[in-house]
């Protein structure tokens, strides 16, 4: 009895593992609203904004602008 229960459990788990695969995996996990190509005119302003502030952190900038006035 115990052996047949173990064998049937192993069989059911094995069937679940092999039946869960699908060929439509790529189409199911593709975001239809995602951007596939971005134009340079949309990327360049962000790169310039981030690149202009590489030398200091927001804390350093705030300290230089506000705290040293007093």
PDB file of N, CA and C in Angstrom:
ATOM      1  N   UNK A   1       0.823  -1.199   0.000  1.00  0.00           N
ATOM      2  CA  UNK A   1       0.000   0.000   0.000  1.00  0.00           C
ATOM      3  C   UNK A   1       0.863   1.258   0.000  1.00  0.00           C
ATOM      4  N   UNK A   2       1.848   1.281   0.890  1.00  0.00           N
ATOM      5  CA  UNK A   2       2.708   2.442   0.986  1.00  0.00           C
ATOM      6  C   UNK A   2       3.544   2.611  -0.281  1.00  0.00           C
ATOM      7  N   UNK A   3       4.000   1.505  -0.831  1.00  0.00           N
ATOM      8  CA  UNK A   3       4.824   1.556  -2.036  1.00  0.00           C
ATOM      9  C   UNK A   3       4.005   2.044  -3.227  1.00  0.00           C
ATOM     10  N   UNK A   4       2.765   1.626  -3.345  1.00  0.00           N
ATOM     11  CA  UNK A   4       1.925   2.079  -4.459  1.00  0.00           C
ATOM     12  C   UNK A   4       1.590   3.568  -4.314  1.00  0.00           C
ATOM     13  N   UNK A   5       1.444   4.049  -3.094  1.00  0.00           N
ATOM     14  CA  UNK A   5       1.196   5.468  -2.872  1.00  0.00           C
ATOM     15  C   UNK A   5       2.412   6.296  -3.268  1.00  0.00           C
ATOM     16  N   UNK A   6       3.590   5.833  -2.925  1.00  0.00           N
ATOM     17  CA  UNK A   6       4.827   6.535  -3.289  1.00  0.00           C
ATOM     18  C   UNK A   6       5.008   6.539  -4.803  1.00  0.00           C
ATOM     19  N   UNK A   7       4.789   5.399  -5.445  1.00  0.00           N
ATOM     20  CA  UNK A   7       4.932   5.319  -6.896  1.00  0.00           C
ATOM     21  C   UNK A   7       3.915   6.196  -7.621  1.00  0.00           C
ATOM     22  N   UNK A   8       2.685   6.215  -7.148  1.00  0.00           N
ATOM     23  CA  UNK A   8       1.682   7.054  -7.801  1.00  0.00           C
ATOM     24  C   UNK A   8       1.988   8.536  -7.580  1.00  0.00           C
ATOM     25  N   UNK A   9       2.538   8.885  -6.415  1.00  0.00           N
ATOM     26  CA  UNK A   9       2.928  10.277  -6.161  1.00  0.00           C
ATOM     27  C   UNK A   9       4.064  10.696  -7.086  1.00  0.00           C
ATOM     28  N   UNK A  10       5.049   9.830  -7.235  1.00  0.00           N
ATOM     29  CA  UNK A  10       6.168  10.116  -8.134  1.00  0.00           C
ATOM     30  C   UNK A  10       5.664  10.250  -9.568  1.00  0.00           C
ATOM     31  N   UNK A  11       4.746   9.393  -9.968  1.00  0.00           N
ATOM     32  CA  UNK A  11       4.203   9.457 -11.317  1.00  0.00           C
ATOM     33  C   UNK A  11       3.442  10.774 -11.550  1.00  0.00           C
ATOM     34  N   UNK A  12       2.626  11.189 -10.583  1.00  0.00           N
ATOM     35  CA  UNK A  12       1.854  12.424 -10.727  1.00  0.00           C
ATOM     36  C   UNK A  12       2.761  13.648 -10.768  1.00  0.00           C
ATOM     37  N   UNK A  13       3.786  13.674  -9.935  1.00  0.00           N
ATOM     38  CA  UNK A  13       4.720  14.791  -9.943  1.00  0.00           C
ATOM     39  C   UNK A  13       5.478  14.824 -11.270  1.00  0.00           C
ATOM     40  N   UNK A  14       5.889  13.673 -11.758  1.00  0.00           N
ATOM     41  CA  UNK A  14       6.572  13.601 -13.045  1.00  0.00           C
ATOM     42  C   UNK A  14       5.695  14.070 -14.188  1.00  0.00           C
ATOM     43  N   UNK A  15       4.428  13.712 -14.168  1.00  0.00           N
ATOM     44  CA  UNK A  15       3.504  14.151 -15.217  1.00  0.00           C
ATOM     45  C   UNK A  15       3.294  15.671 -15.166  1.00  0.00           C
ATOM     46  N   UNK A  16       3.261  16.245 -13.973  1.00  0.00           N
ATOM     47  CA  UNK A  16       3.126  17.699 -13.849  1.00  0.00           C
ATOM     48  C   UNK A  16       4.340  18.414 -14.410  1.00  0.00           C
ATOM     49  N   UNK A  17       5.502  17.885 -14.127  1.00  0.00           N
ATOM     50  CA  UNK A  17       6.731  18.522 -14.604  1.00  0.00           C
ATOM     51  C   UNK A  17       6.831  18.491 -16.120  1.00  0.00           C
ATOM     52  N   UNK A  18       6.446  17.402 -16.734  1.00  0.00           N
ATOM     53  CA  UNK A  18       6.584  17.280 -18.181  1.00  0.00           C
ATOM     54  C   UNK A  18       5.428  17.916 -18.949  1.00  0.00           C
ATOM     55  N   UNK A  19       4.294  18.098 -18.312  1.00  0.00           N
ATOM     56  CA  UNK A  19       3.164  18.682 -19.026  1.00  0.00           C
ATOM     57  C   UNK A  19       3.103  20.198 -18.899  1.00  0.00           C
ATOM     58  N   UNK A  20       3.916  20.794 -18.057  1.00  0.00           N
ATOM     59  CA  UNK A  20       3.842  22.233 -17.851  1.00  0.00           C
ATOM     60  C   UNK A  20       4.604  23.030 -18.906  1.00  0.00           C
ATOM     61  N   UNK A  21       5.402  22.404 -19.711  1.00  0.00           N
ATOM     62  CA  UNK A  21       6.150  23.115 -20.744  1.00  0.00           C
ATOM     63  C   UNK A  21       5.220  23.502 -21.891  1.00  0.00           C
ATOM     64  N   UNK A  22       5.514  24.646 -22.518  1.00  0.00           N
ATOM     65  CA  UNK A  22       4.695  25.112 -23.628  1.00  0.00           C
ATOM     66  C   UNK A  22       5.590  25.708 -24.701  1.00  0.00           C
ATOM     67  N   UNK A  23       5.095  25.747 -25.910  1.00  0.00           N
ATOM     68  CA  UNK A  23       5.854  26.338 -27.014  1.00  0.00           C
ATOM     69  C   UNK A  23       5.602  27.832 -27.130  1.00  0.00           C
ATOM     70  N   UNK A  24       4.581  28.344 -26.446  1.00  0.00           N
ATOM     71  CA  UNK A  24       4.224  29.754 -26.544  1.00  0.00           C
ATOM     72  C   UNK A  24       4.843  30.579 -25.422  1.00  0.00           C
ATOM     73  N   UNK A  25       5.955  30.139 -24.877  1.00  0.00           N
ATOM     74  CA  UNK A  25       6.584  30.824 -23.750  1.00  0.00           C
ATOM     75  C   UNK A  25       7.019  32.234 -24.119  1.00  0.00           C
ATOM     76  N   UNK A  26       7.598  32.414 -25.283  1.00  0.00           N
ATOM     77  CA  UNK A  26       8.099  33.730 -25.698  1.00  0.00           C
ATOM     78  C   UNK A  26       6.960  34.719 -25.913  1.00  0.00           C
ATOM     79  N   UNK A  27       5.873  34.295 -26.513  1.00  0.00           N
ATOM     80  CA  UNK A  27       4.767  35.214 -26.768  1.00  0.00           C
ATOM     81  C   UNK A  27       4.000  35.544 -25.489  1.00  0.00           C
ATOM     82  N   UNK A  28       3.992  34.649 -24.529  1.00  0.00           N
ATOM     83  CA  UNK A  28       3.291  34.910 -23.279  1.00  0.00           C
ATOM     84  C   UNK A  28       4.067  35.882 -22.397  1.00  0.00           C
ATOM     85  N   UNK A  29       5.379  35.904 -22.489  1.00  0.00           N
ATOM     86  CA  UNK A  29       6.199  36.748 -21.630  1.00  0.00           C
ATOM     87  C   UNK A  29       6.712  37.986 -22.342  1.00  0.00           C
ATOM     88  N   UNK A  30       6.048  38.430 -23.364  1.00  0.00           N
ATOM     89  CA  UNK A  30       6.430  39.646 -24.073  1.00  0.00           C
ATOM     90  C   UNK A  30       5.451  40.751 -23.708  1.00  0.00           C
ATOM     91  N   UNK A  31       5.977  41.881 -23.271  1.00  0.00           N
ATOM     92  CA  UNK A  31       5.138  43.011 -22.901  1.00  0.00           C
ATOM     93  C   UNK A  31       4.716  43.748 -24.171  1.00  0.00           C
ATOM     94  N   UNK A  32       3.420  43.798 -24.472  1.00  0.00           N
ATOM     95  CA  UNK A  32       2.986  44.462 -25.701  1.00  0.00           C
ATOM     96  C   UNK A  32       3.139  45.983 -25.636  1.00  0.00           C
ATOM     97  N   UNK A  33       3.238  46.546 -24.445  1.00  0.00           N
ATOM     98  CA  UNK A  33       3.365  47.989 -24.319  1.00  0.00           C
ATOM     99  C   UNK A  33       4.798  48.463 -24.151  1.00  0.00           C
ATOM    100  N   UNK A  34       5.763  47.568 -24.246  1.00  0.00           N
ATOM    101  CA  UNK A  34       7.157  47.939 -24.037  1.00  0.00           C
ATOM    102  C   UNK A  34       7.730  48.626 -25.271  1.00  0.00           C
ATOM    103  N   UNK A  35       8.692  49.486 -25.031  1.00  0.00           N
ATOM    104  CA  UNK A  35       9.367  50.183 -26.122  1.00  0.00           C
ATOM    105  C   UNK A  35      10.422  49.250 -26.710  1.00  0.00           C
ATOM    106  N   UNK A  36      10.395  49.074 -28.012  1.00  0.00           N
ATOM    107  CA  UNK A  36      11.381  48.204 -28.648  1.00  0.00           C
ATOM    108  C   UNK A  36      12.528  49.003 -29.245  1.00  0.00           C
ATOM    109  N   UNK A  37      12.233  50.191 -29.737  1.00  0.00           N
ATOM    110  CA  UNK A  37      13.271  51.061 -30.285  1.00  0.00           C
ATOM    111  C   UNK A  37      13.061  52.463 -29.736  1.00  0.00           C
ATOM    112  N   UNK A  38      14.152  53.091 -29.300  1.00  0.00           N
ATOM    113  CA  UNK A  38      14.056  54.451 -28.776  1.00  0.00           C
ATOM    114  C   UNK A  38      14.862  55.382 -29.663  1.00  0.00           C
ATOM    115  N   UNK A  39      14.308  56.542 -29.910  1.00  0.00           N
ATOM    116  CA  UNK A  39      14.970  57.535 -30.730  1.00  0.00           C
ATOM    117  C   UNK A  39      16.008  58.281 -29.899  1.00  0.00           C
ATOM    118  N   UNK A  40      17.059  58.733 -30.540  1.00  0.00           N
ATOM    119  CA  UNK A  40      18.125  59.453 -29.849  1.00  0.00           C
ATOM    120  C   UNK A  40      17.627  60.774 -29.282  1.00  0.00           C
ATOM    121  N   UNK A  41      16.642  61.376 -29.909  1.00  0.00           N
ATOM    122  CA  UNK A  41      16.148  62.662 -29.413  1.00  0.00           C
ATOM    123  C   UNK A  41      15.436  62.517 -28.071  1.00  0.00           C
ATOM    124  N   UNK A  42      15.026  61.301 -27.682  1.00  0.00           N
ATOM    125  CA  UNK A  42      14.409  61.088 -26.383  1.00  0.00           C
ATOM    126  C   UNK A  42      15.440  60.650 -25.343  1.00  0.00           C
ATOM    127  N   UNK A  43      16.509  60.032 -25.769  1.00  0.00           N
ATOM    128  CA  UNK A  43      17.518  59.531 -24.839  1.00  0.00           C
ATOM    129  C   UNK A  43      18.539  60.601 -24.486  1.00  0.00           C
ATOM    130  N   UNK A  44      18.927  61.430 -25.427  1.00  0.00           N
ATOM    131  CA  UNK A  44      20.000  62.395 -25.229  1.00  0.00           C
ATOM    132  C   UNK A  44      19.748  63.387 -24.102  1.00  0.00           C
ATOM    133  N   UNK A  45      18.557  63.975 -23.943  1.00  0.00           N
ATOM    134  CA  UNK A  45      18.369  64.904 -22.820  1.00  0.00           C
ATOM    135  C   UNK A  45      18.573  64.251 -21.453  1.00  0.00           C
ATOM    136  N   UNK A  46      18.152  63.007 -21.307  1.00  0.00           N
ATOM    137  CA  UNK A  46      18.354  62.314 -20.039  1.00  0.00           C
ATOM    138  C   UNK A  46      19.836  62.068 -19.786  1.00  0.00           C
ATOM    139  N   UNK A  47      20.561  61.657 -20.800  1.00  0.00           N
ATOM    140  CA  UNK A  47      21.989  61.407 -20.657  1.00  0.00           C
ATOM    141  C   UNK A  47      22.722  62.699 -20.306  1.00  0.00           C
ATOM    142  N   UNK A  48      22.326  63.800 -20.913  1.00  0.00           N
ATOM    143  CA  UNK A  48      22.950  65.081 -20.592  1.00  0.00           C
ATOM    144  C   UNK A  48      22.637  65.503 -19.155  1.00  0.00           C
ATOM    145  N   UNK A  49      21.428  65.297 -18.706  1.00  0.00           N
ATOM    146  CA  UNK A  49      21.047  65.654 -17.336  1.00  0.00           C
ATOM    147  C   UNK A  49      21.853  64.850 -16.320  1.00  0.00           C
ATOM    148  N   UNK A  50      21.944  63.551 -16.534  1.00  0.00           N
ATOM    149  CA  UNK A  50      22.668  62.697 -15.600  1.00  0.00           C
ATOM    150  C   UNK A  50      24.166  62.971 -15.694  1.00  0.00           C
ATOM    151  N   UNK A  51      24.671  63.186 -16.874  1.00  0.00           N
ATOM    152  CA  UNK A  51      26.095  63.420 -17.052  1.00  0.00           C
ATOM    153  C   UNK A  51      26.575  64.746 -16.489  1.00  0.00           C
ATOM    154  N   UNK A  52      25.699  65.714 -16.393  1.00  0.00           N
ATOM    155  CA  UNK A  52      26.089  67.020 -15.869  1.00  0.00           C
ATOM    156  C   UNK A  52      26.287  66.998 -14.364  1.00  0.00           C
ATOM    157  N   UNK A  53      25.728  66.029 -13.671  1.00  0.00           N
ATOM    158  CA  UNK A  53      25.801  65.992 -12.212  1.00  0.00           C
ATOM    159  C   UNK A  53      26.634  64.824 -11.699  1.00  0.00           C
ATOM    160  N   UNK A  54      27.626  64.405 -12.436  1.00  0.00           N
ATOM    161  CA  UNK A  54      28.445  63.282 -11.993  1.00  0.00           C
ATOM    162  C   UNK A  54      29.478  63.681 -10.945  1.00  0.00           C
ATOM    163  N   UNK A  55      29.822  64.940 -10.870  1.00  0.00           N
ATOM    164  CA  UNK A  55      30.896  65.340  -9.982  1.00  0.00           C
ATOM    165  C   UNK A  55      30.455  65.515  -8.533  1.00  0.00           C
ATOM    166  N   UNK A  56      29.164  65.609  -8.242  1.00  0.00           N
ATOM    167  CA  UNK A  56      28.733  65.798  -6.861  1.00  0.00           C
ATOM    168  C   UNK A  56      27.416  65.085  -6.609  1.00  0.00           C
ATOM    169  N   UNK A  57      27.175  64.831  -5.350  1.00  0.00           N
ATOM    170  CA  UNK A  57      25.927  64.196  -4.945  1.00  0.00           C
ATOM    171  C   UNK A  57      24.915  65.283  -4.591  1.00  0.00           C
ATOM    172  N   UNK A  58      23.638  64.944  -4.472  1.00  0.00           N
ATOM    173  CA  UNK A  58      22.654  65.963  -4.067  1.00  0.00           C
ATOM    174  C   UNK A  58      22.976  66.577  -2.703  1.00  0.00           C
ATOM    175  N   UNK A  59      23.550  65.791  -1.792  1.00  0.00           N
ATOM    176  CA  UNK A  59      23.925  66.343  -0.483  1.00  0.00           C
ATOM    177  C   UNK A  59      25.003  67.406  -0.644  1.00  0.00           C
ATOM    178  N   UNK A  60      26.006  67.131  -1.453  1.00  0.00           N
ATOM    179  CA  UNK A  60      27.079  68.103  -1.654  1.00  0.00           C
ATOM    180  C   UNK A  60      26.543  69.367  -2.319  1.00  0.00           C
ATOM    181  N   UNK A  61      25.669  69.210  -3.274  1.00  0.00           N
ATOM    182  CA  UNK A  61      25.114  70.358  -3.968  1.00  0.00           C
ATOM    183  C   UNK A  61      24.291  71.214  -3.011  1.00  0.00           C
ATOM    184  N   UNK A  62      23.462  70.577  -2.179  1.00  0.00           N
ATOM    185  CA  UNK A  62      22.647  71.320  -1.223  1.00  0.00           C
ATOM    186  C   UNK A  62      23.519  71.983  -0.169  1.00  0.00           C
ATOM    187  N   UNK A  63      24.571  71.318   0.263  1.00  0.00           N
ATOM    188  CA  UNK A  63      25.474  71.905   1.247  1.00  0.00           C
ATOM    189  C   UNK A  63      26.162  73.123   0.681  1.00  0.00           C
ATOM    190  N   UNK A  64      26.588  73.061  -0.549  1.00  0.00           N
ATOM    191  CA  UNK A  64      27.257  74.201  -1.169  1.00  0.00           C
ATOM    192  C   UNK A  64      26.301  75.365  -1.415  1.00  0.00           C
ATOM    193  N   UNK A  65      25.066  75.076  -1.743  1.00  0.00           N
ATOM    194  CA  UNK A  65      24.129  76.144  -2.082  1.00  0.00           C
ATOM    195  C   UNK A  65      23.505  76.793  -0.852  1.00  0.00           C
ATOM    196  N   UNK A  66      23.193  76.002   0.168  1.00  0.00           N
ATOM    197  CA  UNK A  66      22.373  76.523   1.263  1.00  0.00           C
ATOM    198  C   UNK A  66      23.136  76.656   2.583  1.00  0.00           C
ATOM    199  N   UNK A  67      23.842  75.656   3.008  1.00  0.00           N
ATOM    200  CA  UNK A  67      24.421  75.662   4.343  1.00  0.00           C
ATOM    201  C   UNK A  67      25.567  76.648   4.482  1.00  0.00           C
ATOM    202  N   UNK A  68      26.335  76.862   3.473  1.00  0.00           N
ATOM    203  CA  UNK A  68      27.496  77.736   3.604  1.00  0.00           C
ATOM    204  C   UNK A  68      27.125  79.211   3.492  1.00  0.00           C
ATOM    205  N   UNK A  69      25.877  79.509   3.237  1.00  0.00           N
ATOM    206  CA  UNK A  69      25.475  80.923   3.217  1.00  0.00           C
ATOM    207  C   UNK A  69      25.469  81.499   4.616  1.00  0.00           C
ATOM    208  N   UNK A  70      25.272  80.675   5.637  1.00  0.00           N
ATOM    209  CA  UNK A  70      25.207  81.168   7.001  1.00  0.00           C
ATOM    210  C   UNK A  70      26.570  81.212   7.596  1.00  0.00           C
TER     211      UNK A  70
END
